[in-house]
């Protein structure tokens, strides 16, 4: 979740600086790619002994290790690829909705 928040915040910040939506999203994803991969790989290598454990009671450790390893791998891939795609799509849809929304006429205090 933190990785997704950081990618989105970086992209929003770059967009405020004048970058286009696609350029800001790509730059944010590139900027966060290395830290995401480093932390995810460190965690996965830390869990690897659980997944390949042997000996008494290893079935439970293997089940936990395999589940955690697979979940972390999936979450990392989804976070790297899908968060930027969803960000672009949501920003595009909301910017269209804001630009095409009918203006609400304002009533001034003098009119009654």
C-alpha atoms as a PDB file:
ATOM      1  CA  UNK A   1       0.000   0.000   0.000  1.00  0.00           C
ATOM      2  CA  UNK A   2       2.837   2.391   0.800  1.00  0.00           C
ATOM      3  CA  UNK A   3       4.404   1.808  -2.596  1.00  0.00           C
ATOM      4  CA  UNK A   4       1.173   2.642  -4.387  1.00  0.00           C
ATOM      5  CA  UNK A   5       0.708   5.791  -2.321  1.00  0.00           C
ATOM      6  CA  UNK A   6       4.248   6.927  -3.066  1.00  0.00           C
ATOM      7  CA  UNK A   7       3.904   6.322  -6.810  1.00  0.00           C
ATOM      8  CA  UNK A   8       0.651   8.282  -6.884  1.00  0.00           C
ATOM      9  CA  UNK A   9       2.038  11.136  -4.781  1.00  0.00           C
ATOM     10  CA  UNK A  10       5.194  11.384  -6.909  1.00  0.00           C
ATOM     11  CA  UNK A  11       3.077  11.430 -10.085  1.00  0.00           C
ATOM     12  CA  UNK A  12       0.737  14.098  -8.699  1.00  0.00           C
ATOM     13  CA  UNK A  13       3.700  16.235  -7.661  1.00  0.00           C
ATOM     14  CA  UNK A  14       5.298  15.927 -11.102  1.00  0.00           C
ATOM     15  CA  UNK A  15       1.988  16.760 -12.757  1.00  0.00           C
ATOM     16  CA  UNK A  16       1.710  19.902 -10.622  1.00  0.00           C
ATOM     17  CA  UNK A  17       5.148  20.878 -11.928  1.00  0.00           C
ATOM     18  CA  UNK A  18       3.762  20.866 -15.468  1.00  0.00           C
ATOM     19  CA  UNK A  19       4.455  17.348 -16.710  1.00  0.00           C
ATOM     20  CA  UNK A  20       1.808  15.555 -18.734  1.00  0.00           C
ATOM     21  CA  UNK A  21      -0.181  12.770 -17.087  1.00  0.00           C
ATOM     22  CA  UNK A  22       1.664   9.993 -18.914  1.00  0.00           C
ATOM     23  CA  UNK A  23       5.094  11.539 -18.452  1.00  0.00           C
ATOM     24  CA  UNK A  24       4.524  12.168 -14.737  1.00  0.00           C
ATOM     25  CA  UNK A  25       3.257   8.631 -14.185  1.00  0.00           C
ATOM     26  CA  UNK A  26       6.167   7.036 -16.039  1.00  0.00           C
ATOM     27  CA  UNK A  27       8.703   9.167 -14.193  1.00  0.00           C
ATOM     28  CA  UNK A  28       7.119   8.345 -10.820  1.00  0.00           C
ATOM     29  CA  UNK A  29       7.030   4.623 -11.589  1.00  0.00           C
ATOM     30  CA  UNK A  30      10.664   4.670 -12.721  1.00  0.00           C
ATOM     31  CA  UNK A  31      11.702   6.646  -9.667  1.00  0.00           C
ATOM     32  CA  UNK A  32      10.045   4.179  -7.276  1.00  0.00           C
ATOM     33  CA  UNK A  33      10.922   0.964  -9.157  1.00  0.00           C
ATOM     34  CA  UNK A  34      14.316   0.360  -7.575  1.00  0.00           C
ATOM     35  CA  UNK A  35      13.240   0.954  -3.944  1.00  0.00           C
ATOM     36  CA  UNK A  36      10.167  -1.232  -4.441  1.00  0.00           C
ATOM     37  CA  UNK A  37      12.204  -4.057  -5.937  1.00  0.00           C
ATOM     38  CA  UNK A  38      14.921  -3.816  -3.293  1.00  0.00           C
ATOM     39  CA  UNK A  39      12.553  -3.974  -0.330  1.00  0.00           C
ATOM     40  CA  UNK A  40      10.394  -6.677  -1.892  1.00  0.00           C
ATOM     41  CA  UNK A  41      13.356  -8.858  -2.824  1.00  0.00           C
ATOM     42  CA  UNK A  42      14.903  -8.442   0.624  1.00  0.00           C
ATOM     43  CA  UNK A  43      11.646  -9.561   2.215  1.00  0.00           C
ATOM     44  CA  UNK A  44      11.238 -12.473  -0.205  1.00  0.00           C
ATOM     45  CA  UNK A  45      14.791 -13.685   0.402  1.00  0.00           C
ATOM     46  CA  UNK A  46      14.122 -13.426   4.129  1.00  0.00           C
ATOM     47  CA  UNK A  47      11.058 -15.669   3.801  1.00  0.00           C
ATOM     48  CA  UNK A  48      12.763 -18.122   1.435  1.00  0.00           C
ATOM     49  CA  UNK A  49      14.142 -20.319   4.259  1.00  0.00           C
ATOM     50  CA  UNK A  50      10.567 -20.891   5.431  1.00  0.00           C
ATOM     51  CA  UNK A  51       9.476 -21.953   1.956  1.00  0.00           C
ATOM     52  CA  UNK A  52      12.334 -24.439   1.537  1.00  0.00           C
ATOM     53  CA  UNK A  53      12.524 -25.671   5.118  1.00  0.00           C
ATOM     54  CA  UNK A  54      12.909 -29.350   5.903  1.00  0.00           C
ATOM     55  CA  UNK A  55      12.770 -31.490   8.987  1.00  0.00           C
ATOM     56  CA  UNK A  56      10.241 -31.943  11.751  1.00  0.00           C
ATOM     57  CA  UNK A  57       7.272 -29.591  11.415  1.00  0.00           C
ATOM     58  CA  UNK A  58       8.455 -28.258   8.081  1.00  0.00           C
ATOM     59  CA  UNK A  59       5.078 -28.735   6.383  1.00  0.00           C
ATOM     60  CA  UNK A  60       3.572 -25.826   8.300  1.00  0.00           C
ATOM     61  CA  UNK A  61       6.590 -23.606   7.729  1.00  0.00           C
ATOM     62  CA  UNK A  62       6.614 -24.451   4.022  1.00  0.00           C
ATOM     63  CA  UNK A  63       2.925 -23.609   3.715  1.00  0.00           C
ATOM     64  CA  UNK A  64       3.390 -20.257   5.430  1.00  0.00           C
ATOM     65  CA  UNK A  65       6.587 -19.465   3.534  1.00  0.00           C
ATOM     66  CA  UNK A  66       5.112 -20.387   0.173  1.00  0.00           C
ATOM     67  CA  UNK A  67       1.989 -18.320   0.785  1.00  0.00           C
ATOM     68  CA  UNK A  68       3.915 -15.283   1.958  1.00  0.00           C
ATOM     69  CA  UNK A  69       6.454 -15.583  -0.854  1.00  0.00           C
ATOM     70  CA  UNK A  70       3.762 -15.913  -3.518  1.00  0.00           C
ATOM     71  CA  UNK A  71       1.727 -13.076  -2.070  1.00  0.00           C
ATOM     72  CA  UNK A  72       4.691 -10.750  -1.910  1.00  0.00           C
ATOM     73  CA  UNK A  73       5.715 -11.623  -5.462  1.00  0.00           C
ATOM     74  CA  UNK A  74       2.181 -11.005  -6.743  1.00  0.00           C
ATOM     75  CA  UNK A  75       1.749  -7.776  -4.793  1.00  0.00           C
ATOM     76  CA  UNK A  76       5.061  -6.458  -6.081  1.00  0.00           C
ATOM     77  CA  UNK A  77       4.223  -7.162  -9.711  1.00  0.00           C
ATOM     78  CA  UNK A  78       0.712  -5.793  -9.392  1.00  0.00           C
ATOM     79  CA  UNK A  79       1.977  -2.699  -7.602  1.00  0.00           C
ATOM     80  CA  UNK A  80       4.624  -1.980 -10.200  1.00  0.00           C
ATOM     81  CA  UNK A  81       2.399  -2.425 -13.239  1.00  0.00           C
ATOM     82  CA  UNK A  82      -1.228  -1.876 -12.238  1.00  0.00           C
ATOM     83  CA  UNK A  83      -0.985   1.109  -9.891  1.00  0.00           C
ATOM     84  CA  UNK A  84       0.347   3.438 -12.618  1.00  0.00           C
ATOM     85  CA  UNK A  85      -2.292   2.157 -15.059  1.00  0.00           C
ATOM     86  CA  UNK A  86      -5.108   2.704 -12.570  1.00  0.00           C
ATOM     87  CA  UNK A  87      -3.733   6.137 -11.680  1.00  0.00           C
ATOM     88  CA  UNK A  88      -3.752   7.253 -15.312  1.00  0.00           C
ATOM     89  CA  UNK A  89      -7.244   5.893 -15.919  1.00  0.00           C
ATOM     90  CA  UNK A  90      -8.736   7.417 -12.765  1.00  0.00           C
ATOM     91  CA  UNK A  91      -7.108  10.804 -13.383  1.00  0.00           C
ATOM     92  CA  UNK A  92      -8.322  10.764 -16.976  1.00  0.00           C
ATOM     93  CA  UNK A  93     -11.911   9.914 -16.003  1.00  0.00           C
ATOM     94  CA  UNK A  94     -12.093  12.423 -13.164  1.00  0.00           C
ATOM     95  CA  UNK A  95     -10.557  15.231 -15.215  1.00  0.00           C
ATOM     96  CA  UNK A  96     -13.170  14.600 -17.938  1.00  0.00           C
ATOM     97  CA  UNK A  97     -15.943  14.546 -15.353  1.00  0.00           C
ATOM     98  CA  UNK A  98     -14.769  17.836 -13.869  1.00  0.00           C
ATOM     99  CA  UNK A  99     -14.490  19.526 -17.272  1.00  0.00           C
ATOM    100  CA  UNK A 100     -17.871  18.307 -18.527  1.00  0.00           C
ATOM    101  CA  UNK A 101     -19.856  18.847 -15.314  1.00  0.00           C
ATOM    102  CA  UNK A 102     -22.560  21.484 -15.775  1.00  0.00           C
ATOM    103  CA  UNK A 103     -21.899  24.703 -13.961  1.00  0.00           C
ATOM    104  CA  UNK A 104     -24.228  25.405 -11.073  1.00  0.00           C
ATOM    105  CA  UNK A 105     -25.544  28.959 -11.286  1.00  0.00           C
ATOM    106  CA  UNK A 106     -24.674  30.990  -8.248  1.00  0.00           C
ATOM    107  CA  UNK A 107     -27.295  33.064  -6.523  1.00  0.00           C
ATOM    108  CA  UNK A 108     -26.206  36.342  -5.081  1.00  0.00           C
ATOM    109  CA  UNK A 109     -27.542  37.712  -1.836  1.00  0.00           C
ATOM    110  CA  UNK A 110     -29.188  40.675  -3.594  1.00  0.00           C
ATOM    111  CA  UNK A 111     -31.496  38.485  -5.689  1.00  0.00           C
ATOM    112  CA  UNK A 112     -34.637  37.344  -3.978  1.00  0.00           C
END
